[in-house]
Protein backbone atom coordinates (compact mmCIF):
# COMPACT_ATOMS: atom_id res chain seq x y z
CA MET A 1 28.94 -13.80 -7.07
CA THR A 2 28.45 -16.06 -10.14
CA LEU A 3 28.95 -15.52 -13.61
CA ASP A 4 25.65 -14.77 -14.22
CA PRO A 5 23.65 -14.37 -11.23
CA PHE A 6 20.32 -13.01 -13.01
CA PRO A 7 19.64 -15.78 -15.96
CA ASN A 8 16.17 -15.39 -16.23
CA LEU A 9 15.81 -11.43 -16.93
CA LEU A 10 17.29 -11.04 -20.42
CA SER A 11 15.10 -14.37 -21.31
CA ARG A 12 12.01 -12.12 -20.00
CA ALA A 13 13.32 -9.17 -21.59
CA ALA A 14 14.29 -10.76 -24.92
CA GLY A 15 10.39 -12.06 -24.86
CA GLU A 16 8.81 -8.69 -24.73
CA LEU A 17 11.10 -7.30 -27.74
CA GLU A 18 9.95 -9.87 -29.68
CA LYS A 19 6.30 -8.77 -29.01
CA GLN A 20 7.34 -5.17 -30.22
CA PHE A 21 7.77 -7.08 -33.73
CA SER A 22 4.82 -9.54 -33.32
CA ASP A 23 2.73 -7.59 -36.39
CA LEU A 24 5.71 -9.11 -38.71
CA PRO A 25 5.25 -12.34 -40.87
CA ALA A 26 6.77 -15.27 -39.08
CA PHE A 27 10.39 -16.74 -40.32
CA GLU A 28 12.23 -19.44 -39.41
CA SER A 29 15.78 -19.45 -38.12
CA LYS A 30 18.17 -21.77 -39.63
CA ALA A 31 20.44 -22.14 -36.71
CA ASP A 32 21.10 -25.41 -35.29
CA PRO A 33 20.36 -25.18 -31.50
CA ALA A 34 22.18 -28.49 -31.01
CA ALA A 35 25.53 -27.33 -33.14
CA MET A 36 24.92 -24.20 -31.36
CA GLU A 37 25.19 -25.82 -27.93
CA ARG A 38 28.59 -27.92 -28.65
CA VAL A 39 30.18 -24.71 -29.64
CA LEU A 40 29.24 -22.30 -26.89
CA GLU A 41 30.33 -25.21 -24.36
CA ASP A 42 33.76 -24.75 -26.09
CA VAL A 43 33.90 -21.11 -26.00
CA ALA A 44 32.95 -21.44 -21.95
CA ARG A 45 35.66 -23.81 -21.92
CA ARG A 46 38.44 -21.81 -23.80
CA MET A 47 37.48 -18.42 -22.03
CA GLY A 48 38.55 -20.18 -18.97
CA ASP A 49 41.58 -19.41 -20.11
CA ASN A 50 41.73 -16.23 -18.78
CA PHE A 51 42.62 -14.36 -15.00
CA PRO A 52 39.02 -13.93 -12.84
CA PHE A 53 39.16 -10.44 -14.27
CA PHE A 54 35.40 -10.57 -12.49
CA HIS A 55 36.73 -11.61 -8.96
CA PRO A 56 37.62 -9.39 -5.80
CA LEU A 57 41.12 -11.08 -6.10
CA TYR A 58 41.85 -9.71 -9.38
CA ALA A 59 43.72 -6.61 -8.31
CA GLY A 60 46.09 -5.75 -11.02
CA GLN A 61 45.11 -4.02 -14.16
CA MET A 62 41.93 -1.41 -14.93
CA LEU A 63 39.68 -4.09 -15.01
CA LYS A 64 36.07 -4.05 -13.85
CA PRO A 65 33.18 -6.60 -14.71
CA PRO A 66 30.39 -5.03 -16.55
CA HIS A 67 27.13 -4.84 -14.38
CA PRO A 68 24.98 -7.53 -15.08
CA VAL A 69 22.37 -4.90 -16.32
CA ALA A 70 24.98 -3.97 -18.86
CA ARG A 71 25.35 -7.48 -19.79
CA ALA A 72 21.83 -8.00 -20.36
CA ALA A 73 21.22 -4.91 -22.16
CA TYR A 74 24.26 -5.29 -24.61
CA ALA A 75 22.90 -8.64 -25.39
CA LEU A 76 18.94 -7.68 -25.68
CA ALA A 77 20.15 -5.01 -28.02
CA MET A 78 22.53 -7.41 -29.78
CA THR A 79 19.06 -8.54 -31.30
CA ILE A 80 18.64 -5.77 -33.15
CA ASN A 81 22.39 -5.31 -33.63
CA PRO A 82 21.80 -1.51 -34.45
CA ASN A 83 24.75 0.56 -35.59
CA ASN A 84 24.71 4.08 -34.45
CA HIS A 85 26.30 5.73 -37.49
CA ALA A 86 23.06 6.85 -38.33
CA ARG A 87 19.48 7.43 -37.35
CA ASP A 88 18.47 4.81 -39.99
CA GLY A 89 21.11 2.02 -38.54
CA GLY A 90 19.91 2.64 -35.42
CA ARG A 91 16.91 5.09 -34.40
CA ALA A 92 16.19 3.82 -30.52
CA SER A 93 19.62 3.27 -29.69
CA SER A 94 20.95 6.57 -31.15
CA GLU A 95 18.38 8.10 -28.89
CA LEU A 96 19.60 6.25 -25.40
CA GLU A 97 23.17 7.22 -26.36
CA ILE A 98 22.29 10.80 -26.60
CA GLU A 99 20.29 10.75 -23.24
CA ALA A 100 23.58 8.41 -21.82
CA VAL A 101 26.33 11.09 -23.18
CA GLN A 102 24.29 13.85 -21.46
CA GLY A 103 24.13 12.10 -18.48
CA ILE A 104 27.74 11.65 -18.51
CA ALA A 105 28.12 15.82 -19.60
CA GLY A 106 26.25 16.30 -16.22
CA ILE A 107 28.93 14.72 -13.90
CA PHE A 108 31.03 17.83 -15.18
CA GLY A 109 28.52 20.52 -15.20
CA TRP A 110 28.05 20.68 -18.87
CA THR A 111 25.06 21.01 -20.74
CA GLU A 112 25.87 22.33 -23.61
CA PHE A 113 28.43 20.70 -25.19
CA LEU A 114 29.01 18.32 -28.44
CA GLY A 115 29.97 14.56 -27.64
CA HIS A 116 29.17 11.01 -28.75
CA LEU A 117 30.57 7.43 -27.13
CA THR A 118 33.49 6.13 -29.13
CA SER A 119 34.76 2.22 -29.45
CA SER A 120 37.46 3.20 -27.32
CA GLY A 121 39.52 6.10 -25.48
CA THR A 122 41.89 6.06 -27.32
CA MET A 123 39.73 6.66 -30.25
CA ALA A 124 38.03 9.52 -27.99
CA ASN A 125 41.35 11.28 -27.18
CA LEU A 126 42.34 10.71 -31.54
CA GLU A 127 39.05 12.87 -31.87
CA SER A 128 40.51 15.08 -29.48
CA LEU A 129 43.64 16.20 -30.51
CA TRP A 130 42.09 15.99 -34.06
CA VAL A 131 40.37 18.69 -33.58
CA ALA A 132 42.87 20.64 -31.64
CA GLY A 133 44.92 20.39 -34.76
CA GLN A 134 41.78 21.82 -36.75
CA LEU A 135 42.06 24.47 -34.35
CA ALA A 136 45.87 25.31 -33.89
CA PRO A 137 47.14 23.59 -37.19
CA GLY A 138 50.80 23.26 -36.76
CA LYS A 139 50.93 23.84 -32.85
CA ARG A 140 52.86 21.51 -30.86
CA ILE A 141 50.72 19.35 -28.51
CA VAL A 142 51.83 18.63 -24.66
CA GLY A 143 51.48 16.16 -21.91
CA SER A 144 53.18 14.56 -18.77
CA GLU A 145 55.69 11.95 -19.21
CA GLN A 146 52.76 9.59 -17.03
CA ALA A 147 50.35 10.37 -19.58
CA HIS A 148 49.01 7.45 -21.97
CA TYR A 149 51.63 6.23 -24.64
CA THR A 150 48.56 6.71 -27.17
CA HIS A 151 48.82 10.28 -27.04
CA GLN A 152 52.20 10.42 -28.60
CA ARG A 153 51.19 7.72 -31.23
CA ILE A 154 47.98 9.69 -31.86
CA SER A 155 49.71 13.00 -32.22
CA ALA A 156 52.07 10.96 -34.89
CA VAL A 157 49.56 9.58 -36.54
CA LEU A 158 48.22 13.41 -36.94
CA LYS A 159 51.80 14.40 -37.98
CA LEU A 160 51.47 17.07 -34.82
CA GLU A 161 54.38 17.41 -33.18
CA TYR A 162 54.41 16.05 -29.45
CA ALA A 163 56.65 16.56 -26.53
CA SER A 164 56.69 14.70 -22.90
CA ILE A 165 56.22 17.19 -19.60
CA ALA A 166 58.36 15.76 -16.64
CA ALA A 167 56.31 14.42 -13.45
CA ASP A 168 56.85 14.89 -10.24
CA HIS A 169 57.71 12.53 -7.41
CA ARG A 170 54.03 11.81 -7.34
CA GLY A 171 53.55 11.09 -11.03
CA ARG A 172 51.69 14.55 -11.77
CA MET A 173 52.66 17.07 -14.41
CA SER A 174 55.24 19.53 -13.30
CA LEU A 175 54.04 23.14 -13.46
CA ASP A 176 57.55 24.52 -14.10
CA ALA A 177 58.09 22.26 -16.49
CA LEU A 178 55.11 23.03 -18.46
CA GLU A 179 56.11 26.63 -18.32
CA VAL A 180 59.52 26.42 -19.63
CA GLU A 181 57.50 24.59 -22.70
CA LEU A 182 54.68 27.31 -23.12
CA ARG A 183 57.63 30.13 -22.96
CA LYS A 184 58.37 28.75 -26.82
CA GLY A 185 54.94 30.22 -27.74
CA ASP A 186 54.16 26.79 -30.00
CA VAL A 187 52.11 24.88 -27.50
CA GLY A 188 48.34 24.65 -29.06
CA THR A 189 47.20 21.62 -26.46
CA VAL A 190 48.11 20.69 -23.25
CA VAL A 191 46.95 17.01 -22.33
CA VAL A 192 46.11 16.93 -18.89
CA THR A 193 45.67 13.45 -17.26
CA LEU A 194 43.10 13.15 -14.33
CA GLY A 195 43.70 9.23 -13.36
CA SER A 196 47.31 8.52 -15.03
CA THR A 197 47.29 4.61 -15.88
CA ALA A 198 50.51 3.67 -13.55
CA LEU A 199 49.34 5.69 -10.11
CA GLY A 200 46.05 6.95 -10.93
CA ALA A 201 48.06 10.17 -10.74
CA VAL A 202 45.74 13.63 -10.92
CA ASP A 203 47.32 16.15 -12.96
CA PRO A 204 47.13 19.90 -11.65
CA LEU A 205 44.73 21.22 -13.90
CA ASP A 206 43.74 24.17 -11.50
CA GLY A 207 46.85 25.14 -12.01
CA ILE A 208 47.21 24.70 -15.64
CA LEU A 209 44.27 26.72 -16.46
CA ALA A 210 45.86 29.44 -14.29
CA LEU A 211 48.65 29.52 -17.08
CA ARG A 212 46.18 28.97 -19.87
CA LYS A 213 45.24 32.96 -18.78
CA ARG A 214 48.89 33.67 -19.40
CA TYR A 215 49.86 31.33 -22.23
CA GLY A 216 46.20 31.13 -24.21
CA PHE A 217 46.31 27.12 -25.34
CA ARG A 218 44.01 24.43 -25.64
CA VAL A 219 43.45 21.84 -22.57
CA HIS A 220 42.19 18.64 -23.20
CA VAL A 221 41.42 16.69 -20.05
CA ASP A 222 42.19 12.76 -20.67
CA ALA A 223 39.71 11.44 -17.70
CA ALA A 224 39.55 8.37 -19.41
CA TYR A 225 39.93 6.43 -15.92
CA GLY A 226 39.43 8.84 -13.06
CA GLY A 227 36.42 11.11 -14.93
CA TYR A 228 33.71 9.93 -12.62
CA PHE A 229 35.87 10.06 -9.10
CA ARG A 230 33.97 13.68 -10.11
CA LEU A 231 30.92 12.44 -8.21
CA ILE A 232 32.85 12.06 -4.93
CA PRO A 233 35.51 14.84 -4.81
CA GLU A 234 34.60 14.93 -0.76
CA ASN A 235 36.49 11.57 -0.84
CA LEU A 236 40.02 12.93 -2.57
CA ASP A 237 43.00 14.53 -0.90
CA LYS A 238 42.86 18.79 -1.49
CA PRO A 239 44.87 19.07 -4.70
CA ALA A 240 42.66 15.96 -6.96
CA GLN A 241 39.83 17.84 -4.97
CA ARG A 242 41.05 20.85 -6.88
CA ALA A 243 41.55 19.56 -10.34
CA PHE A 244 38.62 17.55 -10.50
CA GLU A 245 36.54 20.71 -9.33
CA ALA A 246 37.70 22.80 -12.42
CA ILE A 247 37.42 20.25 -14.98
CA SER A 248 34.40 22.23 -16.19
CA GLN A 249 36.67 24.44 -17.70
CA ALA A 250 38.37 21.83 -19.80
CA ASP A 251 37.90 22.35 -23.74
CA SER A 252 37.66 18.88 -24.41
CA ILE A 253 37.38 15.52 -22.10
CA VAL A 254 37.13 12.03 -22.48
CA ILE A 255 36.45 9.03 -20.35
CA ASP A 256 35.83 5.45 -20.43
CA PRO A 257 32.83 3.95 -19.48
CA HIS A 258 34.16 0.65 -20.63
CA LYS A 259 36.42 1.39 -17.04
CA HIS A 260 34.89 2.54 -14.14
CA GLY A 261 31.62 2.98 -15.76
CA LEU A 262 30.82 -0.45 -15.37
CA GLN A 263 30.05 -1.58 -19.26
CA PRO A 264 31.73 -4.10 -21.69
CA TYR A 265 34.61 -3.15 -24.06
CA GLY A 266 34.32 -1.10 -25.88
CA CYS A 267 32.73 2.07 -24.47
CA GLY A 268 34.82 5.49 -24.77
CA CYS A 269 33.30 8.95 -24.74
CA VAL A 270 34.50 12.17 -26.03
CA LEU A 271 33.11 16.06 -25.10
CA PHE A 272 33.68 19.04 -26.55
CA HIS A 273 33.09 22.39 -24.60
CA ASP A 274 32.36 24.20 -27.52
CA PRO A 275 29.67 22.54 -30.00
CA SER A 276 30.85 24.44 -32.60
CA VAL A 277 33.91 22.04 -33.32
CA GLY A 278 31.13 19.94 -34.67
CA ARG A 279 32.07 22.13 -38.18
CA PHE A 280 35.21 20.17 -38.77
CA TYR A 281 33.14 17.05 -39.06
CA LYS A 282 30.88 17.89 -42.10
CA HIS A 283 30.76 15.71 -44.87
CA ASP A 284 28.44 14.80 -47.80
CA SER A 285 27.59 11.51 -48.22
CA PRO A 286 24.73 10.43 -50.50
CA TYR A 287 23.86 6.85 -49.18
CA THR A 288 23.86 6.95 -45.21
CA TYR A 289 20.87 9.44 -44.31
CA PHE A 290 18.11 9.80 -46.07
CA THR A 291 14.98 8.84 -43.57
CA SER A 292 15.58 11.70 -40.86
CA LYS A 293 16.31 15.22 -40.27
CA GLN A 294 17.59 15.20 -36.94
CA LEU A 295 21.31 14.96 -36.01
CA HIS A 296 22.89 11.44 -36.82
CA LEU A 297 25.77 10.74 -34.65
CA GLY A 298 28.11 10.05 -37.45
CA GLU A 299 27.67 13.79 -38.48
CA ILE A 300 29.72 14.24 -35.05
CA SER A 301 32.31 11.27 -35.37
CA LEU A 302 35.53 10.17 -36.90
CA GLU A 303 34.24 6.43 -36.33
CA CYS A 304 31.74 5.08 -39.01
CA SER A 305 29.76 1.90 -37.86
CA ARG A 306 29.63 1.75 -33.96
CA ALA A 307 27.97 -0.35 -31.69
CA GLY A 308 24.78 0.92 -30.88
CA ALA A 309 24.27 -1.98 -27.96
CA SER A 310 26.87 0.11 -26.09
CA ALA A 311 24.64 2.85 -26.29
CA VAL A 312 22.07 0.84 -24.94
CA ALA A 313 24.33 -0.94 -22.26
CA LEU A 314 25.45 2.42 -20.69
CA TRP A 315 21.82 3.86 -20.74
CA ALA A 316 20.86 0.98 -18.79
CA THR A 317 23.21 1.29 -16.69
CA GLN A 318 22.88 5.00 -16.04
CA GLN A 319 18.73 4.53 -15.33
CA LEU A 320 19.55 1.86 -12.54
CA LEU A 321 22.59 3.61 -11.27
CA PRO A 322 22.08 7.88 -11.64
CA LEU A 323 25.39 9.32 -11.99
CA VAL A 324 24.54 11.41 -9.12
CA PRO A 325 26.88 12.79 -5.92
CA GLY A 326 25.69 10.12 -2.86
CA GLY A 327 23.99 7.74 -4.95
CA GLU A 328 24.62 3.97 -5.22
CA PHE A 329 27.44 4.70 -8.18
CA ALA A 330 28.83 7.18 -6.33
CA ARG A 331 29.26 5.08 -2.91
CA GLY A 332 30.96 2.06 -4.83
CA LEU A 333 33.74 4.64 -6.11
CA ALA A 334 34.33 5.65 -2.53
CA ARG A 335 34.39 2.08 -1.43
CA SER A 336 37.15 1.67 -3.96
CA ARG A 337 39.39 4.68 -2.76
CA ALA A 338 38.53 3.42 0.85
CA ALA A 339 39.94 0.15 -0.09
CA ALA A 340 43.32 1.47 -1.78
CA LEU A 341 43.88 3.93 1.59
CA GLU A 342 43.62 1.39 3.26
CA LEU A 343 46.09 -1.08 1.30
CA ASP A 344 48.19 1.48 1.48
CA ARG A 345 47.95 2.33 5.24
CA ARG A 346 49.14 -1.33 5.71
CA LEU A 347 51.88 -1.19 3.05
CA ARG A 348 53.38 1.70 5.53
CA GLN A 349 52.99 0.24 8.82
CA ASP A 350 54.02 -2.57 7.99
CA LYS A 351 55.99 -4.18 10.77
CA ALA A 352 58.68 -6.14 8.87
CA GLY A 353 59.46 -3.34 6.82
CA ARG A 354 59.33 -5.20 3.47
CA PHE A 355 57.19 -2.64 1.66
CA GLN A 356 57.85 1.13 0.67
CA PRO A 357 55.14 2.90 -0.92
CA LEU A 358 55.86 6.44 -2.55
CA PRO A 359 57.08 8.83 0.38
CA ALA A 360 54.74 11.74 -1.10
CA GLY A 361 51.57 10.32 0.08
CA ALA A 362 48.54 8.34 -0.08
CA PRO A 363 47.27 6.91 -3.46
CA GLU A 364 45.32 10.32 -5.24
CA LEU A 365 42.60 8.16 -6.75
CA ASP A 366 42.00 4.06 -6.25
CA ILE A 367 45.56 2.83 -7.08
CA VAL A 368 48.40 1.07 -5.03
CA VAL A 369 51.80 1.30 -5.95
CA TRP A 370 54.69 0.36 -3.68
CA LYS A 371 57.81 -0.93 -3.89
CA VAL A 372 59.95 -3.87 -2.10
CA ASN A 373 62.47 -2.90 0.22
CA ALA A 374 66.05 -4.52 -0.65
CA GLU A 375 69.60 -3.60 -1.01
CA THR A 376 69.48 -2.78 -4.85
CA THR A 377 67.27 -1.02 -7.34
CA GLU A 378 67.94 -4.49 -9.37
CA ARG A 379 67.15 -6.19 -6.24
CA ALA A 380 63.75 -4.63 -5.56
CA SER A 381 62.72 -5.54 -9.03
CA ASP A 382 63.63 -9.01 -9.20
CA LEU A 383 61.88 -9.54 -5.35
CA ALA A 384 58.11 -7.63 -6.80
CA GLN A 385 58.78 -10.17 -9.92
CA GLN A 386 58.67 -13.25 -7.99
CA ILE A 387 55.93 -11.67 -5.27
CA PHE A 388 53.95 -10.94 -8.54
CA SER A 389 54.48 -14.84 -8.83
CA ALA A 390 53.40 -16.03 -5.80
CA CYS A 391 50.76 -14.08 -4.99
CA ALA A 392 49.39 -15.33 -8.46
CA ALA A 393 50.14 -19.35 -7.43
CA ARG A 394 47.66 -18.04 -4.27
CA ASP A 395 44.41 -16.38 -6.81
CA LEU A 396 45.96 -13.13 -6.23
CA HIS A 397 46.76 -10.99 -9.16
CA LEU A 398 48.55 -7.85 -8.89
CA ALA A 399 50.45 -6.06 -11.47
CA LEU A 400 53.92 -4.64 -11.88
CA VAL A 401 55.36 -1.14 -12.98
CA GLN A 402 58.24 0.68 -13.50
CA LEU A 403 58.85 3.73 -11.73
CA PRO A 404 61.71 6.12 -11.29
CA SER A 405 64.06 4.92 -8.31
CA ALA A 406 64.54 8.41 -6.94
CA TRP A 407 60.75 8.84 -6.29
CA PHE A 408 61.01 6.40 -3.55
CA GLU A 409 64.05 8.52 -1.91
CA PRO A 410 62.43 10.22 1.32
CA ALA A 411 64.71 13.62 0.66
CA ILE A 412 63.88 13.26 -2.92
CA LYS A 413 64.01 17.49 -4.26
CA PHE A 414 62.50 17.04 -7.86
CA GLU A 415 64.16 17.89 -10.45
CA PRO A 416 62.82 18.06 -13.76
CA GLN A 417 65.84 16.41 -15.98
CA GLY A 418 65.88 13.62 -13.31
CA SER A 419 62.50 12.33 -15.06
CA ALA A 420 61.73 9.01 -16.29
CA ALA A 421 61.87 10.34 -19.70
CA ASN A 422 65.55 11.31 -19.41
CA GLY A 423 67.01 8.64 -18.55
CA ALA A 424 66.39 8.21 -14.99
CA ARG A 425 66.94 4.61 -13.17
CA LEU A 426 63.96 2.46 -13.31
CA VAL A 427 62.71 0.18 -10.61
CA THR A 428 60.02 -2.48 -10.73
CA CYS A 429 57.23 -2.42 -8.42
CA LEU A 430 53.86 -3.95 -7.56
CA ARG A 431 51.17 -2.09 -7.90
CA SER A 432 46.66 -2.76 -7.49
CA VAL A 433 43.68 -1.30 -8.87
CA LEU A 434 41.12 -1.88 -6.34
CA MET A 435 38.30 -0.54 -8.60
CA LYS A 436 35.69 -2.89 -7.53
CA PRO A 437 33.76 -1.61 -4.57
CA GLU A 438 33.88 -5.17 -3.50
CA HIS A 439 37.89 -4.73 -2.85
CA GLU A 440 37.37 -2.58 0.38
CA ALA A 441 35.13 -6.36 1.97
CA TRP A 442 38.29 -8.70 0.82
CA LEU A 443 41.01 -6.19 1.69
CA ASP A 444 41.56 -8.64 4.47
CA ARG A 445 42.04 -11.57 2.20
CA ILE A 446 44.09 -9.76 -0.14
CA TRP A 447 46.09 -9.11 2.49
CA GLU A 448 46.41 -12.40 3.62
CA ARG A 449 47.55 -13.96 0.22
CA LEU A 450 50.29 -10.72 -0.62
CA ALA A 451 51.78 -11.32 3.17
CA GLU A 452 51.81 -15.36 2.20
CA GLY A 453 53.66 -14.37 -1.41
CA CYS A 454 55.85 -12.08 0.80
CA ALA A 455 56.69 -15.17 3.03
CA GLU A 456 57.48 -17.18 0.52
CA VAL A 457 60.00 -15.14 -1.54
CA MET A 458 61.63 -12.88 1.24
CA GLY A 459 61.40 -15.41 4.39
CA GLY A 460 60.50 -13.91 7.71
CA ASN A 461 56.54 -14.27 9.49
CA ARG A 462 53.07 -13.19 7.34
CA SER A 463 51.98 -10.33 9.38
């Protein structure tokens, strides 16, 4: 694959767009093509100082290349540079956003909802917790200690008290620990993570919904990373499958198209099950809206200026790759999941005994984490750092994560007070996010480089 596999598609589409405005009087651009070429060549050279996020040998962080059609559609839309804050700023792109968001909501079985795109998952989560605070003022927000750190930060911005709930030895929220907090009677919202950043862990949403019947609270699902896996429940283990099948009962959902949705940064999405929460967004503006009586996306968003190009890119991608079970998009997710399971299998069956994945079970989505076997936690952490660097020297880019060392004890008995939030001993582990469909076909080469890196650091054979 080249960085730009279809260079002529964009130029032909740009010609078609130019025709749409051919009745306007001509004018000349003052841009200097020769100067632009020099600058762009400099940009290309400077951008070479990056990890190869687009390549299958990049298997580190949550970075997935946007689909070529998304890149082309985004660039095409930038000819207009629409602003989806108001219909006046982006008539066509506003319509495309509404249609694209409907497609995302359809993954979760929602047809009646309120939703829009955001500049990031952080902003989408902020809107969700802001609405939660409007509905339950003064009540606490709680989430797993493995939830994304932005929930605590956002709660502080909103001046809402936040508490972390202990996670079990697979990184999932403990229902017992959650109920301890719920008994206090002051929890307004529970943040449920379906696909944690560290492990891809899936909180037990079905169990949390059962607690909602007893205690009454709002359920916000942060599926920024994992949301698209709702398309392939048959590929997940039973607990994760039950959680994703229950997602339609949530009060709000966040999903990031710029993660598994093949979109450029930044493109988040927030959905509210009850459309009436739009009342919290209402405002008077004498200067923004005046040519249309239709709903403006800016009237249901905390953000003002928003890139209409993001909506265009997302719509184009979903036209090419519909969000349906069994479709090409879903099959790509299944390949990523298969790659993770295969890497986990090889780590567990490593003849040299160099690795220790979490003994509790296989990964729940497509993120694999493993500890290096060593006589002490400190030595295991040091070896992980060295192997990380040795693999990078071989163009295999992994990631590092710190987890409670007790999670790797085979006979662990989960105790909430032994959680990372309460000072548990941490061990640095290797982590691989196999979110590209190509990772499945490249797994032999990934394994070969990992084995070579280990052999350099630890000695022994490369098998």
